[in-house]
Amino acid sequence: MSKQHEQHTLVRTLALGVLSGGRSGTPLAVLALNHDNKALKGDWQQWKAFSTPLGRGLLVASAIGELIGDKSPKAPARISPMGLVGRIGAGAFAGAALGTTGSRDLRIEGAILGGVGAVVGSFAGWAARKLLSSSGLPDPVGALAEDAAVIAGSVRAVSGS
């Protein structure tokens, strides 16, 4: 794997982490939905969470549940301690998975970058939603825009394009 390809992979792991800060389940669901994409060539495609129908189904269902639940005024803040722990874990898992694409195994680096990215994404997303709400945009509208950005960003980060 060339140094440039390694750097590109690590940037993608960081991006998945940042996106996990917005919606923790979406990057994992996008990975699950790409488990059989031969162009990706990652060891993660054989991990049970992504390679079995049950694993994929749970990841996708979790992401859908989060997309729906986020619109509730009773949804806990993403920057609460438990919210951060979940997002860091999801970001680290997504980063570790994507870090296995290529000839050099970068799962540890990917996990670290994914976890750090999740912290950054959590606080940035929280601040952006607060700013949009304070400017008069209804929170559900901001939430839907965030959903779209996280889905599109996750697809792009996973595909490498």
Protein backbone atom coordinates (compact mmCIF):
# COMPACT_ATOMS: atom_id res chain seq x y z
CA MET A 1 0.00 0.00 0.00
CA SER A 2 1.47 3.35 -0.97
CA LYS A 3 1.94 6.07 1.62
CA GLN A 4 -0.65 8.15 -0.23
CA HIS A 5 -3.20 5.32 -0.11
CA GLU A 6 -2.55 4.83 3.62
CA GLN A 7 -3.12 8.54 4.25
CA HIS A 8 -6.33 8.44 2.21
CA THR A 9 -7.54 5.46 4.25
CA LEU A 10 -6.73 7.23 7.53
CA VAL A 11 -8.54 10.38 6.42
CA ARG A 12 -11.57 8.20 5.63
CA THR A 13 -11.41 6.60 9.10
CA LEU A 14 -11.32 10.05 10.70
CA ALA A 15 -14.27 11.13 8.55
CA LEU A 16 -16.30 8.10 9.63
CA GLY A 17 -15.52 9.01 13.23
CA VAL A 18 -16.68 12.60 12.77
CA LEU A 19 -19.85 11.31 11.11
CA SER A 20 -20.38 8.90 14.02
CA GLY A 21 -20.50 11.99 16.22
CA GLY A 22 -23.56 13.07 14.25
CA ARG A 23 -25.32 9.71 14.00
CA SER A 24 -23.45 6.88 15.67
CA GLY A 25 -25.21 4.11 13.81
CA THR A 26 -25.15 5.45 10.26
CA PRO A 27 -21.48 4.83 9.37
CA LEU A 28 -21.76 1.27 10.69
CA ALA A 29 -24.96 0.70 8.73
CA VAL A 30 -23.30 1.98 5.55
CA LEU A 31 -20.42 -0.43 6.14
CA ALA A 32 -22.93 -3.24 6.69
CA LEU A 33 -24.72 -2.41 3.45
CA ASN A 34 -21.38 -2.56 1.62
CA HIS A 35 -20.27 -5.89 3.08
CA ASP A 36 -20.19 -7.50 -0.35
CA ASN A 37 -18.67 -4.59 -2.27
CA LYS A 38 -15.61 -6.25 -3.81
CA ALA A 39 -14.04 -2.90 -4.69
CA LEU A 40 -13.49 -2.17 -0.98
CA LYS A 41 -11.36 -5.24 -0.18
CA GLY A 42 -11.28 -5.00 3.59
CA ASP A 43 -10.90 -7.67 6.24
CA TRP A 44 -13.86 -6.05 7.99
CA GLN A 45 -16.12 -7.53 5.32
CA GLN A 46 -15.59 -10.92 7.00
CA TRP A 47 -16.33 -9.68 10.53
CA LYS A 48 -19.57 -11.21 11.81
CA ALA A 49 -21.14 -7.81 12.46
CA PHE A 50 -20.93 -7.12 8.72
CA SER A 51 -20.89 -10.57 7.13
CA THR A 52 -23.96 -12.14 8.73
CA PRO A 53 -27.56 -11.22 8.02
CA LEU A 54 -28.21 -10.83 11.76
CA GLY A 55 -25.26 -8.48 12.25
CA ARG A 56 -26.15 -6.37 9.24
CA GLY A 57 -29.80 -6.29 10.22
CA LEU A 58 -29.00 -5.11 13.75
CA LEU A 59 -26.66 -2.39 12.50
CA VAL A 60 -29.15 -1.09 9.96
CA ALA A 61 -32.08 -1.28 12.41
CA SER A 62 -30.04 0.58 15.01
CA ALA A 63 -29.21 3.33 12.54
CA ILE A 64 -32.84 3.69 11.48
CA GLY A 65 -33.93 3.80 15.12
CA GLU A 66 -31.42 6.52 15.83
CA LEU A 67 -32.51 8.57 12.81
CA ILE A 68 -36.09 8.43 14.07
CA GLY A 69 -35.32 8.85 17.77
CA ASP A 70 -33.12 11.88 17.24
CA LYS A 71 -36.16 13.95 16.30
CA SER A 72 -37.71 13.45 19.75
CA PRO A 73 -37.34 16.30 22.22
CA LYS A 74 -36.66 13.60 24.81
CA ALA A 75 -33.56 12.34 22.98
CA PRO A 76 -30.53 12.70 25.24
CA ALA A 77 -27.82 15.16 24.27
CA ARG A 78 -25.08 13.63 22.15
CA ILE A 79 -22.51 15.26 24.43
CA SER A 80 -23.81 13.61 27.59
CA PRO A 81 -21.27 11.15 29.03
CA MET A 82 -23.23 8.07 27.89
CA GLY A 83 -23.93 9.60 24.51
CA LEU A 84 -20.24 10.31 23.99
CA VAL A 85 -19.19 6.82 25.05
CA GLY A 86 -21.53 5.26 22.50
CA ARG A 87 -20.42 7.60 19.74
CA ILE A 88 -16.73 7.07 20.52
CA GLY A 89 -17.26 3.30 20.45
CA ALA A 90 -19.15 3.47 17.15
CA GLY A 91 -16.55 5.77 15.61
CA ALA A 92 -13.69 3.56 16.79
CA PHE A 93 -15.39 0.43 15.44
CA ALA A 94 -16.11 2.05 12.07
CA GLY A 95 -12.57 3.42 11.89
CA ALA A 96 -11.03 0.07 12.78
CA ALA A 97 -13.13 -1.65 10.12
CA LEU A 98 -12.22 0.81 7.38
CA GLY A 99 -8.60 0.63 8.49
CA THR A 100 -8.45 -2.96 7.23
CA THR A 101 -8.90 -1.90 3.60
CA GLY A 102 -5.65 -2.16 1.72
CA SER A 103 -2.53 -4.24 2.10
CA ARG A 104 -1.41 -2.74 5.42
CA ASP A 105 -3.62 -3.27 8.46
CA LEU A 106 -4.41 0.14 9.94
CA ARG A 107 -7.20 -0.96 12.27
CA ILE A 108 -5.54 0.45 15.42
CA GLU A 109 -4.82 3.79 13.80
CA GLY A 110 -8.31 3.76 12.31
CA ALA A 111 -9.89 3.01 15.68
CA ILE A 112 -8.01 5.87 17.33
CA LEU A 113 -8.88 8.32 14.57
CA GLY A 114 -12.49 7.12 14.50
CA GLY A 115 -12.86 7.60 18.26
CA VAL A 116 -11.24 11.04 18.23
CA GLY A 117 -13.32 12.02 15.22
CA ALA A 118 -16.49 10.99 17.06
CA VAL A 119 -15.69 13.40 19.90
CA VAL A 120 -15.06 16.21 17.42
CA GLY A 121 -18.20 15.36 15.44
CA SER A 122 -20.34 15.14 18.58
CA PHE A 123 -19.42 18.61 19.80
CA ALA A 124 -19.44 20.18 16.32
CA GLY A 125 -22.84 18.68 15.53
CA TRP A 126 -24.26 19.71 18.91
CA ALA A 127 -23.01 23.29 18.41
CA ALA A 128 -24.34 23.44 14.85
CA ARG A 129 -27.79 22.24 15.92
CA LYS A 130 -27.86 24.80 18.76
CA LEU A 131 -26.84 27.57 16.36
CA LEU A 132 -29.49 26.59 13.80
CA SER A 133 -32.18 26.41 16.48
CA SER A 134 -31.22 29.79 17.95
CA SER A 135 -31.41 31.36 14.48
CA GLY A 136 -35.05 30.27 14.18
CA LEU A 137 -34.74 27.06 12.17
CA PRO A 138 -36.98 24.40 13.70
CA ASP A 139 -34.84 21.68 15.26
CA PRO A 140 -36.41 18.84 13.22
CA VAL A 141 -35.39 20.63 10.02
CA GLY A 142 -31.80 20.92 11.25
CA ALA A 143 -31.93 17.26 12.29
CA LEU A 144 -33.05 16.19 8.82
CA ALA A 145 -30.25 18.22 7.23
CA GLU A 146 -27.80 16.53 9.58
CA ASP A 147 -29.25 13.12 8.68
CA ALA A 148 -28.69 13.81 4.99
CA ALA A 149 -25.14 15.05 5.55
CA VAL A 150 -24.20 12.04 7.70
CA ILE A 151 -25.70 9.53 5.25
CA ALA A 152 -24.04 11.13 2.21
CA GLY A 153 -20.74 11.57 4.03
CA SER A 154 -20.75 7.98 5.26
CA VAL A 155 -21.40 6.62 1.77
CA ARG A 156 -18.57 8.74 0.42
CA ALA A 157 -16.12 7.83 3.20
CA VAL A 158 -16.83 4.12 2.89
CA SER A 159 -16.62 4.10 -0.91
CA GLY A 160 -13.43 6.14 -0.89
CA SER A 161 -14.60 8.46 -3.61
